[in-house]
Amino acid sequence: MDFLLRKTARLCLLLVFTLLLSAVSAELIPVLLGESATFPTTRNCSKENAELIHRRRDNSNRTVARYQGGKWSAASGYEDRVDQGKTVTLNNTNINDNGLYELPCFETATELDVLPFHVVQVVVGQPVTLQCHYVTTNKKVECAWWEKDGKLVFGTNFTSGEIKLDPSFKGRVSLADKPLDLGNFSATVQQFRQEDGGDYICYVQVDRKKETERRIPAATRLTVNKLTAAGCAGYKVSTGFLVAVLLLLCVALCFICYRRVTPDRIL
């Protein structure tokens, strides 16, 4: 009888532990530094005086917004970054906004990952490399992929060898050699198009035996350089014309100097 009670108690504890783990599981929301981040779960929370709480990485807590009178409003210190509405959107994100955001009415958490990024200007028709590097030593990387504006554009599953590509990038994307050995998950896009411009985020999924972990090593914003091939040709013509003018000026100057140092022959 005691054995059954002990076994039942262990099962109950295991169940409680599992529920706690699921309760604190967090949804990852990546956002580029300075951009706005929206918390979707706040739309379904209409409990009066509910609070969106930021559990910062230094273990301190801060209330971001509060639900009152049928709408979310900014808490103290966020008046200039959170607007009133049905959902909470955090504007002008900074690096200190990283961390977990909890909504007690659902006991759910959202992890906000604010990403510093670099801007790359690309000429239409030229290649561009999206840099992404991640330490792979003693780690099993299952897959790596790039998303543009939240949608998968290309990626590789290293376990199955499967490669996924958005149709618009077919035949134009090449991945770095030996990515697992070198930790290089960069991708090169050939023949850059106007519509390729946008925000690209690199993801790497790591198998940690008991669970998988998704990491974000890099983010890039591609912008279209107004300079085109025709513009380059025009620039070359202009340069050639300038060189010709300079040569003529040099010849004229040399002739004038020669006339000055050579006496006129008057018979």
C-alpha atoms as a PDB file:
ATOM      1  CA  MET A   1       0.000   0.000   0.000  1.00  0.00           C
ATOM      2  CA  ASP A   2       2.804   2.403   0.930  1.00  0.00           C
ATOM      3  CA  PHE A   3       4.559   1.506  -2.299  1.00  0.00           C
ATOM      4  CA  LEU A   4       1.475   2.438  -4.330  1.00  0.00           C
ATOM      5  CA  LEU A   5       1.120   5.717  -2.443  1.00  0.00           C
ATOM      6  CA  ARG A   6       4.741   6.608  -3.038  1.00  0.00           C
ATOM      7  CA  LYS A   7       4.456   5.727  -6.724  1.00  0.00           C
ATOM      8  CA  THR A   8       1.289   7.793  -7.057  1.00  0.00           C
ATOM      9  CA  ALA A   9       2.958  10.734  -5.338  1.00  0.00           C
ATOM     10  CA  ARG A  10       5.912  10.545  -7.725  1.00  0.00           C
ATOM     11  CA  LEU A  11       3.597  10.484 -10.716  1.00  0.00           C
ATOM     12  CA  CYS A  12       1.754  13.512  -9.372  1.00  0.00           C
ATOM     13  CA  LEU A  13       5.010  15.391  -8.846  1.00  0.00           C
ATOM     14  CA  LEU A  14       6.144  14.498 -12.348  1.00  0.00           C
ATOM     15  CA  LEU A  15       2.843  15.719 -13.768  1.00  0.00           C
ATOM     16  CA  VAL A  16       3.084  18.982 -11.841  1.00  0.00           C
ATOM     17  CA  PHE A  17       6.668  19.464 -12.999  1.00  0.00           C
ATOM     18  CA  THR A  18       5.675  18.849 -16.615  1.00  0.00           C
ATOM     19  CA  LEU A  19       2.839  21.347 -16.344  1.00  0.00           C
ATOM     20  CA  LEU A  20       5.153  23.929 -14.855  1.00  0.00           C
ATOM     21  CA  LEU A  21       7.596  23.479 -17.712  1.00  0.00           C
ATOM     22  CA  SER A  22       4.860  23.908 -20.275  1.00  0.00           C
ATOM     23  CA  ALA A  23       3.545  26.947 -18.419  1.00  0.00           C
ATOM     24  CA  VAL A  24       6.858  28.774 -18.600  1.00  0.00           C
ATOM     25  CA  SER A  25       7.677  27.760 -22.162  1.00  0.00           C
ATOM     26  CA  ALA A  26       8.274  30.881 -24.175  1.00  0.00           C
ATOM     27  CA  GLU A  27       7.457  31.907 -27.716  1.00  0.00           C
ATOM     28  CA  LEU A  28      10.395  33.595 -29.422  1.00  0.00           C
ATOM     29  CA  ILE A  29       9.790  36.961 -31.091  1.00  0.00           C
ATOM     30  CA  PRO A  30      12.799  38.361 -32.968  1.00  0.00           C
ATOM     31  CA  VAL A  31      12.836  42.079 -33.719  1.00  0.00           C
ATOM     32  CA  LEU A  32      15.469  44.289 -35.297  1.00  0.00           C
ATOM     33  CA  LEU A  33      16.994  46.919 -33.051  1.00  0.00           C
ATOM     34  CA  GLY A  34      14.895  50.092 -33.134  1.00  0.00           C
ATOM     35  CA  GLU A  35      11.868  48.409 -34.732  1.00  0.00           C
ATOM     36  CA  SER A  36       8.474  47.692 -33.086  1.00  0.00           C
ATOM     37  CA  ALA A  37       7.515  44.401 -31.411  1.00  0.00           C
ATOM     38  CA  THR A  38       3.897  43.270 -30.989  1.00  0.00           C
ATOM     39  CA  PHE A  39       2.863  40.733 -28.340  1.00  0.00           C
ATOM     40  CA  PRO A  40       0.012  38.678 -29.930  1.00  0.00           C
ATOM     41  CA  THR A  41      -1.137  37.067 -26.673  1.00  0.00           C
ATOM     42  CA  THR A  42      -2.206  40.434 -25.283  1.00  0.00           C
ATOM     43  CA  ARG A  43      -5.079  40.550 -27.797  1.00  0.00           C
ATOM     44  CA  ASN A  44      -6.760  37.614 -26.035  1.00  0.00           C
ATOM     45  CA  CYS A  45      -6.257  38.939 -22.517  1.00  0.00           C
ATOM     46  CA  SER A  46      -9.141  41.075 -21.289  1.00  0.00           C
ATOM     47  CA  LYS A  47      -8.757  40.630 -17.557  1.00  0.00           C
ATOM     48  CA  GLU A  48      -9.075  43.954 -15.743  1.00  0.00           C
ATOM     49  CA  ASN A  49      -5.751  45.181 -14.316  1.00  0.00           C
ATOM     50  CA  ALA A  50      -3.807  42.426 -16.112  1.00  0.00           C
ATOM     51  CA  GLU A  51      -0.165  43.364 -16.578  1.00  0.00           C
ATOM     52  CA  LEU A  52       2.480  42.577 -19.154  1.00  0.00           C
ATOM     53  CA  ILE A  53       5.636  42.120 -17.083  1.00  0.00           C
ATOM     54  CA  HIS A  54       9.186  42.186 -18.400  1.00  0.00           C
ATOM     55  CA  ARG A  55      11.419  39.660 -16.609  1.00  0.00           C
ATOM     56  CA  ARG A  56      14.758  41.212 -17.437  1.00  0.00           C
ATOM     57  CA  ARG A  57      17.966  39.238 -17.657  1.00  0.00           C
ATOM     58  CA  ASP A  58      19.332  40.853 -14.510  1.00  0.00           C
ATOM     59  CA  ASN A  59      16.404  39.179 -12.646  1.00  0.00           C
ATOM     60  CA  SER A  60      14.588  42.468 -12.133  1.00  0.00           C
ATOM     61  CA  ASN A  61      10.923  42.919 -13.133  1.00  0.00           C
ATOM     62  CA  ARG A  62       9.212  45.828 -14.827  1.00  0.00           C
ATOM     63  CA  THR A  63       5.587  46.387 -15.806  1.00  0.00           C
ATOM     64  CA  VAL A  64       5.339  47.400 -19.467  1.00  0.00           C
ATOM     65  CA  ALA A  65       1.570  47.798 -19.925  1.00  0.00           C
ATOM     66  CA  ARG A  66      -1.685  47.409 -17.981  1.00  0.00           C
ATOM     67  CA  TYR A  67      -5.185  46.431 -19.178  1.00  0.00           C
ATOM     68  CA  GLN A  68      -7.849  48.812 -17.898  1.00  0.00           C
ATOM     69  CA  GLY A  69     -11.210  49.922 -19.234  1.00  0.00           C
ATOM     70  CA  GLY A  70     -11.126  47.602 -22.242  1.00  0.00           C
ATOM     71  CA  LYS A  71      -7.698  48.597 -23.568  1.00  0.00           C
ATOM     72  CA  TRP A  72      -3.999  48.292 -22.913  1.00  0.00           C
ATOM     73  CA  SER A  73      -2.156  51.388 -21.713  1.00  0.00           C
ATOM     74  CA  ALA A  74       1.512  52.124 -21.123  1.00  0.00           C
ATOM     75  CA  ALA A  75       2.902  51.635 -17.633  1.00  0.00           C
ATOM     76  CA  SER A  76       5.202  54.157 -15.996  1.00  0.00           C
ATOM     77  CA  GLY A  77       8.376  54.635 -18.002  1.00  0.00           C
ATOM     78  CA  TYR A  78       6.837  53.364 -21.264  1.00  0.00           C
ATOM     79  CA  GLU A  79       4.531  56.275 -22.060  1.00  0.00           C
ATOM     80  CA  ASP A  80       6.486  57.237 -25.178  1.00  0.00           C
ATOM     81  CA  ARG A  81       6.894  53.667 -26.460  1.00  0.00           C
ATOM     82  CA  VAL A  82       3.560  51.886 -25.891  1.00  0.00           C
ATOM     83  CA  ASP A  83       0.320  53.116 -27.488  1.00  0.00           C
ATOM     84  CA  GLN A  84      -3.193  52.451 -26.214  1.00  0.00           C
ATOM     85  CA  GLY A  85      -5.053  49.659 -27.991  1.00  0.00           C
ATOM     86  CA  LYS A  86      -6.296  46.084 -28.069  1.00  0.00           C
ATOM     87  CA  THR A  87      -2.760  44.695 -28.172  1.00  0.00           C
ATOM     88  CA  VAL A  88       0.581  45.781 -26.770  1.00  0.00           C
ATOM     89  CA  THR A  89       3.189  47.015 -29.246  1.00  0.00           C
ATOM     90  CA  LEU A  90       6.569  48.085 -27.926  1.00  0.00           C
ATOM     91  CA  ASN A  91       8.051  50.761 -30.175  1.00  0.00           C
ATOM     92  CA  ASN A  92      11.662  51.808 -30.691  1.00  0.00           C
ATOM     93  CA  THR A  93      13.112  48.664 -29.102  1.00  0.00           C
ATOM     94  CA  ASN A  94      16.563  48.802 -27.509  1.00  0.00           C
ATOM     95  CA  ILE A  95      18.998  46.103 -26.417  1.00  0.00           C
ATOM     96  CA  ASN A  96      17.757  46.245 -22.801  1.00  0.00           C
ATOM     97  CA  ASP A  97      14.304  45.106 -23.950  1.00  0.00           C
ATOM     98  CA  ASN A  98      15.682  41.567 -24.318  1.00  0.00           C
ATOM     99  CA  GLY A  99      14.164  38.967 -22.003  1.00  0.00           C
ATOM    100  CA  LEU A 100      10.926  37.230 -21.021  1.00  0.00           C
ATOM    101  CA  TYR A 101       7.533  38.945 -21.048  1.00  0.00           C
ATOM    102  CA  GLU A 102       4.843  37.316 -18.912  1.00  0.00           C
ATOM    103  CA  LEU A 103       1.093  37.709 -19.051  1.00  0.00           C
ATOM    104  CA  PRO A 104      -0.331  36.405 -15.748  1.00  0.00           C
ATOM    105  CA  CYS A 105      -3.881  35.971 -17.044  1.00  0.00           C
ATOM    106  CA  PHE A 106      -2.680  33.156 -19.339  1.00  0.00           C
ATOM    107  CA  GLU A 107       0.502  32.217 -17.486  1.00  0.00           C
ATOM    108  CA  THR A 108       2.277  32.373 -20.805  1.00  0.00           C
ATOM    109  CA  ALA A 109       5.640  33.886 -21.614  1.00  0.00           C
ATOM    110  CA  THR A 110       7.147  35.491 -24.680  1.00  0.00           C
ATOM    111  CA  GLU A 111      10.873  35.856 -25.225  1.00  0.00           C
ATOM    112  CA  LEU A 112      11.837  39.037 -27.013  1.00  0.00           C
ATOM    113  CA  ASP A 113      15.157  38.899 -28.851  1.00  0.00           C
ATOM    114  CA  VAL A 114      16.283  42.367 -29.972  1.00  0.00           C
ATOM    115  CA  LEU A 115      18.782  41.959 -32.796  1.00  0.00           C
ATOM    116  CA  PRO A 116      21.506  44.424 -33.755  1.00  0.00           C
ATOM    117  CA  PHE A 117      21.826  44.337 -37.547  1.00  0.00           C
ATOM    118  CA  HIS A 118      23.905  45.746 -40.368  1.00  0.00           C
ATOM    119  CA  VAL A 119      22.651  47.398 -43.534  1.00  0.00           C
ATOM    120  CA  VAL A 120      23.995  46.265 -46.889  1.00  0.00           C
ATOM    121  CA  GLN A 121      23.371  48.240 -50.083  1.00  0.00           C
ATOM    122  CA  VAL A 122      23.224  46.096 -53.209  1.00  0.00           C
ATOM    123  CA  VAL A 123      23.181  47.007 -56.886  1.00  0.00           C
ATOM    124  CA  VAL A 124      20.479  45.237 -58.872  1.00  0.00           C
ATOM    125  CA  GLY A 125      21.995  42.340 -60.815  1.00  0.00           C
ATOM    126  CA  GLN A 126      24.999  41.980 -58.487  1.00  0.00           C
ATOM    127  CA  PRO A 127      25.621  39.168 -55.913  1.00  0.00           C
ATOM    128  CA  VAL A 128      25.340  39.710 -52.162  1.00  0.00           C
ATOM    129  CA  THR A 129      26.399  37.543 -49.208  1.00  0.00           C
ATOM    130  CA  LEU A 130      24.308  37.366 -46.047  1.00  0.00           C
ATOM    131  CA  GLN A 131      26.813  36.781 -43.252  1.00  0.00           C
ATOM    132  CA  CYS A 132      25.896  34.295 -40.492  1.00  0.00           C
ATOM    133  CA  HIS A 133      28.359  32.623 -38.121  1.00  0.00           C
ATOM    134  CA  TYR A 134      27.731  30.409 -35.092  1.00  0.00           C
ATOM    135  CA  VAL A 135      30.083  28.416 -32.860  1.00  0.00           C
ATOM    136  CA  THR A 136      29.522  24.707 -33.655  1.00  0.00           C
ATOM    137  CA  THR A 137      32.251  23.188 -31.475  1.00  0.00           C
ATOM    138  CA  ASN A 138      30.771  20.323 -29.401  1.00  0.00           C
ATOM    139  CA  LYS A 139      27.286  21.218 -30.677  1.00  0.00           C
ATOM    140  CA  LYS A 140      24.947  19.315 -32.954  1.00  0.00           C
ATOM    141  CA  VAL A 141      23.406  21.793 -35.357  1.00  0.00           C
ATOM    142  CA  GLU A 142      20.325  20.204 -36.912  1.00  0.00           C
ATOM    143  CA  CYS A 143      19.430  22.912 -39.396  1.00  0.00           C
ATOM    144  CA  ALA A 144      19.985  26.517 -40.395  1.00  0.00           C
ATOM    145  CA  TRP A 145      17.750  28.824 -42.385  1.00  0.00           C
ATOM    146  CA  TRP A 146      17.110  32.410 -43.405  1.00  0.00           C
ATOM    147  CA  GLU A 147      13.811  34.236 -43.139  1.00  0.00           C
ATOM    148  CA  LYS A 148      12.910  37.423 -44.959  1.00  0.00           C
ATOM    149  CA  ASP A 149      10.315  39.625 -43.267  1.00  0.00           C
ATOM    150  CA  GLY A 150       9.145  36.586 -41.241  1.00  0.00           C
ATOM    151  CA  LYS A 151       8.911  34.100 -44.149  1.00  0.00           C
ATOM    152  CA  LEU A 152      11.295  31.225 -44.926  1.00  0.00           C
ATOM    153  CA  VAL A 153      13.333  31.924 -48.050  1.00  0.00           C
ATOM    154  CA  PHE A 154      16.025  29.241 -47.886  1.00  0.00           C
ATOM    155  CA  GLY A 155      17.475  26.727 -45.444  1.00  0.00           C
ATOM    156  CA  THR A 156      19.193  23.367 -44.966  1.00  0.00           C
ATOM    157  CA  ASN A 157      18.412  20.378 -42.733  1.00  0.00           C
ATOM    158  CA  PHE A 158      21.828  18.867 -42.020  1.00  0.00           C
ATOM    159  CA  THR A 159      20.343  15.652 -40.616  1.00  0.00           C
ATOM    160  CA  SER A 160      18.258  14.729 -43.667  1.00  0.00           C
ATOM    161  CA  GLY A 161      20.133  16.792 -46.257  1.00  0.00           C
ATOM    162  CA  GLU A 162      16.886  18.466 -47.306  1.00  0.00           C
ATOM    163  CA  ILE A 163      17.137  21.968 -48.776  1.00  0.00           C
ATOM    164  CA  LYS A 164      14.190  24.348 -48.859  1.00  0.00           C
ATOM    165  CA  LEU A 165      14.007  27.370 -51.140  1.00  0.00           C
ATOM    166  CA  ASP A 166      11.432  29.993 -51.854  1.00  0.00           C
ATOM    167  CA  PRO A 167      10.585  29.713 -55.583  1.00  0.00           C
ATOM    168  CA  SER A 168      11.771  33.277 -56.212  1.00  0.00           C
ATOM    169  CA  PHE A 169      15.301  32.330 -55.033  1.00  0.00           C
ATOM    170  CA  LYS A 170      15.561  29.046 -56.955  1.00  0.00           C
ATOM    171  CA  GLY A 171      18.886  28.768 -58.761  1.00  0.00           C
ATOM    172  CA  ARG A 172      20.181  31.978 -57.183  1.00  0.00           C
ATOM    173  CA  VAL A 173      21.265  30.883 -53.691  1.00  0.00           C
ATOM    174  CA  SER A 174      24.444  29.083 -52.630  1.00  0.00           C
ATOM    175  CA  LEU A 175      25.429  28.181 -49.068  1.00  0.00           C
ATOM    176  CA  ALA A 176      28.937  28.349 -47.621  1.00  0.00           C
ATOM    177  CA  ASP A 177      31.173  25.257 -47.848  1.00  0.00           C
ATOM    178  CA  LYS A 178      31.517  23.028 -44.764  1.00  0.00           C
ATOM    179  CA  PRO A 179      29.116  25.042 -42.609  1.00  0.00           C
ATOM    180  CA  LEU A 180      29.207  22.602 -39.681  1.00  0.00           C
ATOM    181  CA  ASP A 181      33.007  22.437 -39.612  1.00  0.00           C
ATOM    182  CA  LEU A 182      33.558  26.172 -39.977  1.00  0.00           C
ATOM    183  CA  GLY A 183      30.433  27.461 -38.235  1.00  0.00           C
ATOM    184  CA  ASN A 184      29.687  29.457 -41.374  1.00  0.00           C
ATOM    185  CA  PHE A 185      25.989  29.517 -42.325  1.00  0.00           C
ATOM    186  CA  SER A 186      26.281  32.457 -44.706  1.00  0.00           C
ATOM    187  CA  ALA A 187      24.324  32.438 -47.961  1.00  0.00           C
ATOM    188  CA  THR A 188      25.105  34.174 -51.238  1.00  0.00           C
ATOM    189  CA  VAL A 189      22.294  35.464 -53.449  1.00  0.00           C
ATOM    190  CA  GLN A 190      23.147  35.885 -57.130  1.00  0.00           C
ATOM    191  CA  GLN A 191      21.565  38.430 -59.464  1.00  0.00           C
ATOM    192  CA  PHE A 192      20.032  40.603 -56.792  1.00  0.00           C
ATOM    193  CA  ARG A 193      16.536  41.831 -57.672  1.00  0.00           C
ATOM    194  CA  GLN A 194      14.593  44.888 -56.585  1.00  0.00           C
ATOM    195  CA  GLU A 195      12.119  42.703 -54.683  1.00  0.00           C
ATOM    196  CA  ASP A 196      14.944  40.968 -52.763  1.00  0.00           C
ATOM    197  CA  GLY A 197      15.322  44.014 -50.546  1.00  0.00           C
ATOM    198  CA  GLY A 198      14.155  43.577 -46.943  1.00  0.00           C
ATOM    199  CA  ASP A 199      15.095  42.261 -43.514  1.00  0.00           C
ATOM    200  CA  TYR A 200      16.805  38.866 -43.331  1.00  0.00           C
ATOM    201  CA  ILE A 201      17.289  36.878 -40.109  1.00  0.00           C
ATOM    202  CA  CYS A 202      19.527  33.807 -39.772  1.00  0.00           C
ATOM    203  CA  TYR A 203      18.342  30.961 -37.508  1.00  0.00           C
ATOM    204  CA  VAL A 204      20.313  27.977 -36.231  1.00  0.00           C
ATOM    205  CA  GLN A 205      18.630  25.046 -34.451  1.00  0.00           C
ATOM    206  CA  VAL A 206      20.782  23.079 -32.012  1.00  0.00           C
ATOM    207  CA  ASP A 207      20.007  19.637 -30.594  1.00  0.00           C
ATOM    208  CA  ARG A 208      20.725  19.600 -26.864  1.00  0.00           C
ATOM    209  CA  LYS A 209      19.733  15.934 -26.375  1.00  0.00           C
ATOM    210  CA  LYS A 210      16.694  16.579 -24.192  1.00  0.00           C
ATOM    211  CA  GLU A 211      15.454  19.582 -26.133  1.00  0.00           C
ATOM    212  CA  THR A 212      16.162  21.723 -29.170  1.00  0.00           C
ATOM    213  CA  GLU A 213      17.264  25.321 -28.981  1.00  0.00           C
ATOM    214  CA  ARG A 214      16.786  27.955 -31.652  1.00  0.00           C
ATOM    215  CA  ARG A 215      19.430  30.649 -31.873  1.00  0.00           C
ATOM    216  CA  ILE A 216      19.675  33.831 -33.978  1.00  0.00           C
ATOM    217  CA  PRO A 217      23.313  34.588 -34.850  1.00  0.00           C
ATOM    218  CA  ALA A 218      22.764  37.356 -37.417  1.00  0.00           C
ATOM    219  CA  ALA A 219      20.386  39.835 -39.032  1.00  0.00           C
ATOM    220  CA  THR A 220      20.838  41.867 -42.218  1.00  0.00           C
ATOM    221  CA  ARG A 221      18.826  44.577 -43.935  1.00  0.00           C
ATOM    222  CA  LEU A 222      19.315  44.607 -47.702  1.00  0.00           C
ATOM    223  CA  THR A 223      18.572  47.879 -49.450  1.00  0.00           C
ATOM    224  CA  VAL A 224      18.629  48.611 -53.159  1.00  0.00           C
ATOM    225  CA  ASN A 225      21.451  50.857 -54.321  1.00  0.00           C
ATOM    226  CA  LYS A 226      20.082  53.279 -56.933  1.00  0.00           C
ATOM    227  CA  LEU A 227      23.254  52.859 -58.964  1.00  0.00           C
ATOM    228  CA  THR A 228      22.558  50.514 -61.921  1.00  0.00           C
ATOM    229  CA  ALA A 229      24.628  48.991 -64.686  1.00  0.00           C
ATOM    230  CA  ALA A 230      23.535  51.827 -66.987  1.00  0.00           C
ATOM    231  CA  GLY A 231      24.565  54.300 -64.301  1.00  0.00           C
ATOM    232  CA  CYS A 232      27.994  52.682 -64.115  1.00  0.00           C
ATOM    233  CA  ALA A 233      28.400  52.914 -67.917  1.00  0.00           C
ATOM    234  CA  GLY A 234      27.413  56.570 -67.827  1.00  0.00           C
ATOM    235  CA  TYR A 235      29.923  57.172 -65.088  1.00  0.00           C
ATOM    236  CA  LYS A 236      32.696  55.574 -67.169  1.00  0.00           C
ATOM    237  CA  VAL A 237      31.856  57.705 -70.199  1.00  0.00           C
ATOM    238  CA  SER A 238      31.947  60.838 -68.080  1.00  0.00           C
ATOM    239  CA  THR A 239      35.320  59.841 -66.658  1.00  0.00           C
ATOM    240  CA  GLY A 240      36.727  59.196 -70.151  1.00  0.00           C
ATOM    241  CA  PHE A 241      35.556  62.577 -71.347  1.00  0.00           C
ATOM    242  CA  LEU A 242      37.183  64.253 -68.349  1.00  0.00           C
ATOM    243  CA  VAL A 243      40.484  62.476 -69.043  1.00  0.00           C
ATOM    244  CA  ALA A 244      40.398  63.615 -72.668  1.00  0.00           C
ATOM    245  CA  VAL A 245      39.839  67.229 -71.629  1.00  0.00           C
ATOM    246  CA  LEU A 246      42.748  67.036 -69.182  1.00  0.00           C
ATOM    247  CA  LEU A 247      45.037  65.631 -71.879  1.00  0.00           C
ATOM    248  CA  LEU A 248      44.123  68.477 -74.236  1.00  0.00           C
ATOM    249  CA  LEU A 249      44.841  71.000 -71.507  1.00  0.00           C
ATOM    250  CA  CYS A 250      48.224  69.398 -70.832  1.00  0.00           C
ATOM    251  CA  VAL A 251      49.111  69.516 -74.551  1.00  0.00           C
ATOM    252  CA  ALA A 252      48.086  73.175 -74.754  1.00  0.00           C
ATOM    253  CA  LEU A 253      50.135  74.016 -71.649  1.00  0.00           C
ATOM    254  CA  CYS A 254      53.183  72.236 -73.005  1.00  0.00           C
ATOM    255  CA  PHE A 255      52.874  74.130 -76.319  1.00  0.00           C
ATOM    256  CA  ILE A 256      52.673  77.481 -74.511  1.00  0.00           C
ATOM    257  CA  CYS A 257      55.745  76.661 -72.434  1.00  0.00           C
ATOM    258  CA  TYR A 258      57.638  75.620 -75.549  1.00  0.00           C
ATOM    259  CA  ARG A 259      56.793  78.878 -77.292  1.00  0.00           C
ATOM    260  CA  ARG A 260      58.095  80.875 -74.331  1.00  0.00           C
ATOM    261  CA  VAL A 261      61.452  79.182 -74.079  1.00  0.00           C
ATOM    262  CA  THR A 262      62.059  79.046 -77.881  1.00  0.00           C
ATOM    263  CA  PRO A 263      62.956  82.489 -79.468  1.00  0.00           C
ATOM    264  CA  ASP A 264      61.114  83.478 -82.576  1.00  0.00           C
ATOM    265  CA  ARG A 265      63.207  83.242 -85.728  1.00  0.00           C
ATOM    266  CA  ILE A 266      62.882  86.516 -87.613  1.00  0.00           C
ATOM    267  CA  LEU A 267      64.889  86.716 -90.790  1.00  0.00           C
END
